[in-house]
Amino acid sequence: MTSKELLYVEDSLGHEKFMKSCATKTANQLQDVNLSNYMKDLEEKHNQIFNKFLNLL
């Protein structure tokens, strides 16, 4: 893996970690059950994407 590709993967990991964090925080603040569940689904999706990028290393 080139250094440029490594930087891309590291940047993507940071973005996915941030998105997961935002989804978690939002899910915990929402009172609407359907929206909260949707945000938890997004949290899981971003966690899966994070793990896929991590496996590239």
PDB file of N, CA and C in Angstrom:
ATOM      1  N   MET A   1       0.857  -1.172   0.000  1.00  0.00           N
ATOM      2  CA  MET A   1       0.000   0.000   0.000  1.00  0.00           C
ATOM      3  C   MET A   1       0.904   1.236   0.000  1.00  0.00           C
ATOM      4  N   THR A   2       0.595   2.167  -0.883  1.00  0.00           N
ATOM      5  CA  THR A   2       1.391   3.392  -0.954  1.00  0.00           C
ATOM      6  C   THR A   2       1.054   4.300   0.223  1.00  0.00           C
ATOM      7  N   SER A   3       1.916   5.268   0.439  1.00  0.00           N
ATOM      8  CA  SER A   3       1.671   6.196   1.552  1.00  0.00           C
ATOM      9  C   SER A   3       0.407   7.020   1.309  1.00  0.00           C
ATOM     10  N   LYS A   4       0.120   7.331   0.056  1.00  0.00           N
ATOM     11  CA  LYS A   4      -1.088   8.086  -0.275  1.00  0.00           C
ATOM     12  C   LYS A   4      -2.336   7.250   0.021  1.00  0.00           C
ATOM     13  N   GLU A   5      -2.293   5.983  -0.315  1.00  0.00           N
ATOM     14  CA  GLU A   5      -3.419   5.094  -0.028  1.00  0.00           C
ATOM     15  C   GLU A   5      -3.598   4.928   1.480  1.00  0.00           C
ATOM     16  N   LEU A   6      -2.505   4.832   2.203  1.00  0.00           N
ATOM     17  CA  LEU A   6      -2.567   4.715   3.653  1.00  0.00           C
ATOM     18  C   LEU A   6      -3.204   5.952   4.273  1.00  0.00           C
ATOM     19  N   LEU A   7      -2.847   7.119   3.773  1.00  0.00           N
ATOM     20  CA  LEU A   7      -3.458   8.356   4.264  1.00  0.00           C
ATOM     21  C   LEU A   7      -4.963   8.372   4.001  1.00  0.00           C
ATOM     22  N   TYR A   8      -5.368   7.879   2.830  1.00  0.00           N
ATOM     23  CA  TYR A   8      -6.786   7.807   2.502  1.00  0.00           C
ATOM     24  C   TYR A   8      -7.522   6.897   3.475  1.00  0.00           C
ATOM     25  N   VAL A   9      -6.959   5.736   3.770  1.00  0.00           N
ATOM     26  CA  VAL A   9      -7.594   4.789   4.690  1.00  0.00           C
ATOM     27  C   VAL A   9      -7.671   5.380   6.091  1.00  0.00           C
ATOM     28  N   GLU A  10      -6.585   6.019   6.538  1.00  0.00           N
ATOM     29  CA  GLU A  10      -6.592   6.635   7.866  1.00  0.00           C
ATOM     30  C   GLU A  10      -7.635   7.738   7.958  1.00  0.00           C
ATOM     31  N   ASP A  11      -7.752   8.539   6.910  1.00  0.00           N
ATOM     32  CA  ASP A  11      -8.751   9.603   6.870  1.00  0.00           C
ATOM     33  C   ASP A  11     -10.158   9.018   6.908  1.00  0.00           C
ATOM     34  N   SER A  12     -10.375   7.959   6.166  1.00  0.00           N
ATOM     35  CA  SER A  12     -11.684   7.296   6.131  1.00  0.00           C
ATOM     36  C   SER A  12     -12.039   6.710   7.492  1.00  0.00           C
ATOM     37  N   LEU A  13     -11.046   6.143   8.178  1.00  0.00           N
ATOM     38  CA  LEU A  13     -11.286   5.618   9.524  1.00  0.00           C
ATOM     39  C   LEU A  13     -11.733   6.726  10.463  1.00  0.00           C
ATOM     40  N   GLY A  14     -11.099   7.873  10.360  1.00  0.00           N
ATOM     41  CA  GLY A  14     -11.482   9.011  11.199  1.00  0.00           C
ATOM     42  C   GLY A  14     -12.897   9.474  10.918  1.00  0.00           C
ATOM     43  N   HIS A  15     -13.257   9.527   9.643  1.00  0.00           N
ATOM     44  CA  HIS A  15     -14.613   9.944   9.275  1.00  0.00           C
ATOM     45  C   HIS A  15     -15.655   8.953   9.785  1.00  0.00           C
ATOM     46  N   GLU A  16     -15.390   7.682   9.623  1.00  0.00           N
ATOM     47  CA  GLU A  16     -16.354   6.665  10.066  1.00  0.00           C
ATOM     48  C   GLU A  16     -16.487   6.654  11.590  1.00  0.00           C
ATOM     49  N   LYS A  17     -15.384   6.863  12.285  1.00  0.00           N
ATOM     50  CA  LYS A  17     -15.431   6.934  13.749  1.00  0.00           C
ATOM     51  C   LYS A  17     -16.283   8.122  14.187  1.00  0.00           C
ATOM     52  N   PHE A  18     -16.109   9.262  13.508  1.00  0.00           N
ATOM     53  CA  PHE A  18     -16.898  10.452  13.811  1.00  0.00           C
ATOM     54  C   PHE A  18     -18.384  10.224  13.529  1.00  0.00           C
ATOM     55  N   MET A  19     -18.701   9.611  12.392  1.00  0.00           N
ATOM     56  CA  MET A  19     -20.106   9.363  12.033  1.00  0.00           C
ATOM     57  C   MET A  19     -20.759   8.402  13.028  1.00  0.00           C
ATOM     58  N   LYS A  20     -20.031   7.376  13.450  1.00  0.00           N
ATOM     59  CA  LYS A  20     -20.551   6.437  14.435  1.00  0.00           C
ATOM     60  C   LYS A  20     -20.827   7.156  15.747  1.00  0.00           C
ATOM     61  N   SER A  21     -19.909   8.011  16.153  1.00  0.00           N
ATOM     62  CA  SER A  21     -20.066   8.776  17.386  1.00  0.00           C
ATOM     63  C   SER A  21     -21.292   9.691  17.320  1.00  0.00           C
ATOM     64  N   CYS A  22     -21.469  10.362  16.194  1.00  0.00           N
ATOM     65  CA  CYS A  22     -22.635  11.242  16.015  1.00  0.00           C
ATOM     66  C   CYS A  22     -23.938  10.451  16.049  1.00  0.00           C
ATOM     67  N   ALA A  23     -23.950   9.302  15.400  1.00  0.00           N
ATOM     68  CA  ALA A  23     -25.162   8.473  15.371  1.00  0.00           C
ATOM     69  C   ALA A  23     -25.496   7.972  16.771  1.00  0.00           C
ATOM     70  N   THR A  24     -24.483   7.575  17.532  1.00  0.00           N
ATOM     71  CA  THR A  24     -24.702   7.093  18.892  1.00  0.00           C
ATOM     72  C   THR A  24     -25.276   8.195  19.768  1.00  0.00           C
ATOM     73  N   LYS A  25     -24.641   9.362  19.701  1.00  0.00           N
ATOM     74  CA  LYS A  25     -25.084  10.497  20.513  1.00  0.00           C
ATOM     75  C   LYS A  25     -26.522  10.891  20.169  1.00  0.00           C
ATOM     76  N   THR A  26     -26.825  10.946  18.887  1.00  0.00           N
ATOM     77  CA  THR A  26     -28.159  11.337  18.444  1.00  0.00           C
ATOM     78  C   THR A  26     -29.202  10.298  18.856  1.00  0.00           C
ATOM     79  N   ALA A  27     -28.881   9.018  18.699  1.00  0.00           N
ATOM     80  CA  ALA A  27     -29.817   7.953  19.077  1.00  0.00           C
ATOM     81  C   ALA A  27     -30.163   8.034  20.554  1.00  0.00           C
ATOM     82  N   ASN A  28     -29.187   8.376  21.381  1.00  0.00           N
ATOM     83  CA  ASN A  28     -29.422   8.463  22.823  1.00  0.00           C
ATOM     84  C   ASN A  28     -30.236   9.689  23.213  1.00  0.00           C
ATOM     85  N   GLN A  29     -30.234  10.713  22.371  1.00  0.00           N
ATOM     86  CA  GLN A  29     -30.960  11.944  22.687  1.00  0.00           C
ATOM     87  C   GLN A  29     -32.390  11.947  22.153  1.00  0.00           C
ATOM     88  N   LEU A  30     -32.667  11.134  21.156  1.00  0.00           N
ATOM     89  CA  LEU A  30     -33.992  11.135  20.540  1.00  0.00           C
ATOM     90  C   LEU A  30     -35.024  10.454  21.434  1.00  0.00           C
ATOM     91  N   GLN A  31     -36.214  11.032  21.467  1.00  0.00           N
ATOM     92  CA  GLN A  31     -37.298  10.434  22.229  1.00  0.00           C
ATOM     93  C   GLN A  31     -38.192   9.568  21.344  1.00  0.00           C
ATOM     94  N   ASP A  32     -38.208   9.864  20.055  1.00  0.00           N
ATOM     95  CA  ASP A  32     -38.988   9.078  19.113  1.00  0.00           C
ATOM     96  C   ASP A  32     -38.296   7.727  18.912  1.00  0.00           C
ATOM     97  N   VAL A  33     -38.993   6.656  19.215  1.00  0.00           N
ATOM     98  CA  VAL A  33     -38.407   5.312  19.167  1.00  0.00           C
ATOM     99  C   VAL A  33     -37.983   4.941  17.754  1.00  0.00           C
ATOM    100  N   ASN A  34     -38.814   5.253  16.764  1.00  0.00           N
ATOM    101  CA  ASN A  34     -38.482   4.901  15.381  1.00  0.00           C
ATOM    102  C   ASN A  34     -37.219   5.613  14.905  1.00  0.00           C
ATOM    103  N   LEU A  35     -37.121   6.900  15.204  1.00  0.00           N
ATOM    104  CA  LEU A  35     -35.923   7.638  14.803  1.00  0.00           C
ATOM    105  C   LEU A  35     -34.690   7.151  15.563  1.00  0.00           C
ATOM    106  N   SER A  36     -34.861   6.858  16.822  1.00  0.00           N
ATOM    107  CA  SER A  36     -33.750   6.340  17.621  1.00  0.00           C
ATOM    108  C   SER A  36     -33.253   5.013  17.062  1.00  0.00           C
ATOM    109  N   ASN A  37     -34.163   4.140  16.710  1.00  0.00           N
ATOM    110  CA  ASN A  37     -33.786   2.847  16.120  1.00  0.00           C
ATOM    111  C   ASN A  37     -33.080   3.029  14.783  1.00  0.00           C
ATOM    112  N   TYR A  38     -33.549   3.993  13.996  1.00  0.00           N
ATOM    113  CA  TYR A  38     -32.917   4.289  12.712  1.00  0.00           C
ATOM    114  C   TYR A  38     -31.475   4.749  12.932  1.00  0.00           C
ATOM    115  N   MET A  39     -31.271   5.620  13.913  1.00  0.00           N
ATOM    116  CA  MET A  39     -29.924   6.101  14.199  1.00  0.00           C
ATOM    117  C   MET A  39     -29.030   4.971  14.707  1.00  0.00           C
ATOM    118  N   LYS A  40     -29.595   4.045  15.459  1.00  0.00           N
ATOM    119  CA  LYS A  40     -28.813   2.890  15.916  1.00  0.00           C
ATOM    120  C   LYS A  40     -28.418   2.011  14.728  1.00  0.00           C
ATOM    121  N   ASP A  41     -29.317   1.897  13.748  1.00  0.00           N
ATOM    122  CA  ASP A  41     -28.977   1.164  12.522  1.00  0.00           C
ATOM    123  C   ASP A  41     -27.829   1.849  11.776  1.00  0.00           C
ATOM    124  N   LEU A  42     -27.884   3.184  11.712  1.00  0.00           N
ATOM    125  CA  LEU A  42     -26.801   3.929  11.066  1.00  0.00           C
ATOM    126  C   LEU A  42     -25.490   3.757  11.826  1.00  0.00           C
ATOM    127  N   GLU A  43     -25.579   3.744  13.144  1.00  0.00           N
ATOM    128  CA  GLU A  43     -24.394   3.519  13.968  1.00  0.00           C
ATOM    129  C   GLU A  43     -23.742   2.178  13.619  1.00  0.00           C
ATOM    130  N   GLU A  44     -24.560   1.160  13.510  1.00  0.00           N
ATOM    131  CA  GLU A  44     -24.038  -0.172  13.173  1.00  0.00           C
ATOM    132  C   GLU A  44     -23.444  -0.192  11.770  1.00  0.00           C
ATOM    133  N   LYS A  45     -24.094   0.476  10.830  1.00  0.00           N
ATOM    134  CA  LYS A  45     -23.590   0.519   9.455  1.00  0.00           C
ATOM    135  C   LYS A  45     -22.220   1.193   9.403  1.00  0.00           C
ATOM    136  N   HIS A  46     -22.072   2.315  10.123  1.00  0.00           N
ATOM    137  CA  HIS A  46     -20.787   3.008  10.137  1.00  0.00           C
ATOM    138  C   HIS A  46     -19.725   2.181  10.864  1.00  0.00           C
ATOM    139  N   ASN A  47     -20.133   1.420  11.848  1.00  0.00           N
ATOM    140  CA  ASN A  47     -19.203   0.532  12.528  1.00  0.00           C
ATOM    141  C   ASN A  47     -18.695  -0.554  11.572  1.00  0.00           C
ATOM    142  N   GLN A  48     -19.594  -1.088  10.752  1.00  0.00           N
ATOM    143  CA  GLN A  48     -19.197  -2.104   9.773  1.00  0.00           C
ATOM    144  C   GLN A  48     -18.245  -1.522   8.736  1.00  0.00           C
ATOM    145  N   ILE A  49     -18.530  -0.321   8.268  1.00  0.00           N
ATOM    146  CA  ILE A  49     -17.657   0.336   7.289  1.00  0.00           C
ATOM    147  C   ILE A  49     -16.290   0.597   7.911  1.00  0.00           C
ATOM    148  N   PHE A  50     -16.275   1.061   9.179  1.00  0.00           N
ATOM    149  CA  PHE A  50     -15.026   1.287   9.900  1.00  0.00           C
ATOM    150  C   PHE A  50     -14.194   0.012   9.929  1.00  0.00           C
ATOM    151  N   ASN A  51     -14.840  -1.101  10.259  1.00  0.00           N
ATOM    152  CA  ASN A  51     -14.128  -2.379  10.337  1.00  0.00           C
ATOM    153  C   ASN A  51     -13.593  -2.826   8.978  1.00  0.00           C
ATOM    154  N   LYS A  52     -14.334  -2.540   7.919  1.00  0.00           N
ATOM    155  CA  LYS A  52     -13.855  -2.891   6.571  1.00  0.00           C
ATOM    156  C   LYS A  52     -12.597  -2.103   6.219  1.00  0.00           C
ATOM    157  N   PHE A  53     -12.600  -0.806   6.541  1.00  0.00           N
ATOM    158  CA  PHE A  53     -11.406  -0.012   6.291  1.00  0.00           C
ATOM    159  C   PHE A  53     -10.247  -0.479   7.163  1.00  0.00           C
ATOM    160  N   LEU A  54     -10.538  -0.829   8.410  1.00  0.00           N
ATOM    161  CA  LEU A  54      -9.499  -1.288   9.321  1.00  0.00           C
ATOM    162  C   LEU A  54      -8.870  -2.579   8.818  1.00  0.00           C
ATOM    163  N   ASN A  55      -9.665  -3.445   8.210  1.00  0.00           N
ATOM    164  CA  ASN A  55      -9.145  -4.702   7.686  1.00  0.00           C
ATOM    165  C   ASN A  55      -8.230  -4.520   6.481  1.00  0.00           C
ATOM    166  N   LEU A  56      -8.284  -3.345   5.848  1.00  0.00           N
ATOM    167  CA  LEU A  56      -7.377  -3.074   4.744  1.00  0.00           C
ATOM    168  C   LEU A  56      -5.941  -2.911   5.223  1.00  0.00           C
ATOM    169  N   LEU A  57      -5.807  -2.553   6.494  1.00  0.00           N
ATOM    170  CA  LEU A  57      -4.459  -2.376   7.058  1.00  0.00           C
ATOM    171  C   LEU A  57      -3.940  -3.718   7.463  1.00  0.00           C
TER     172      LEU A  57
END
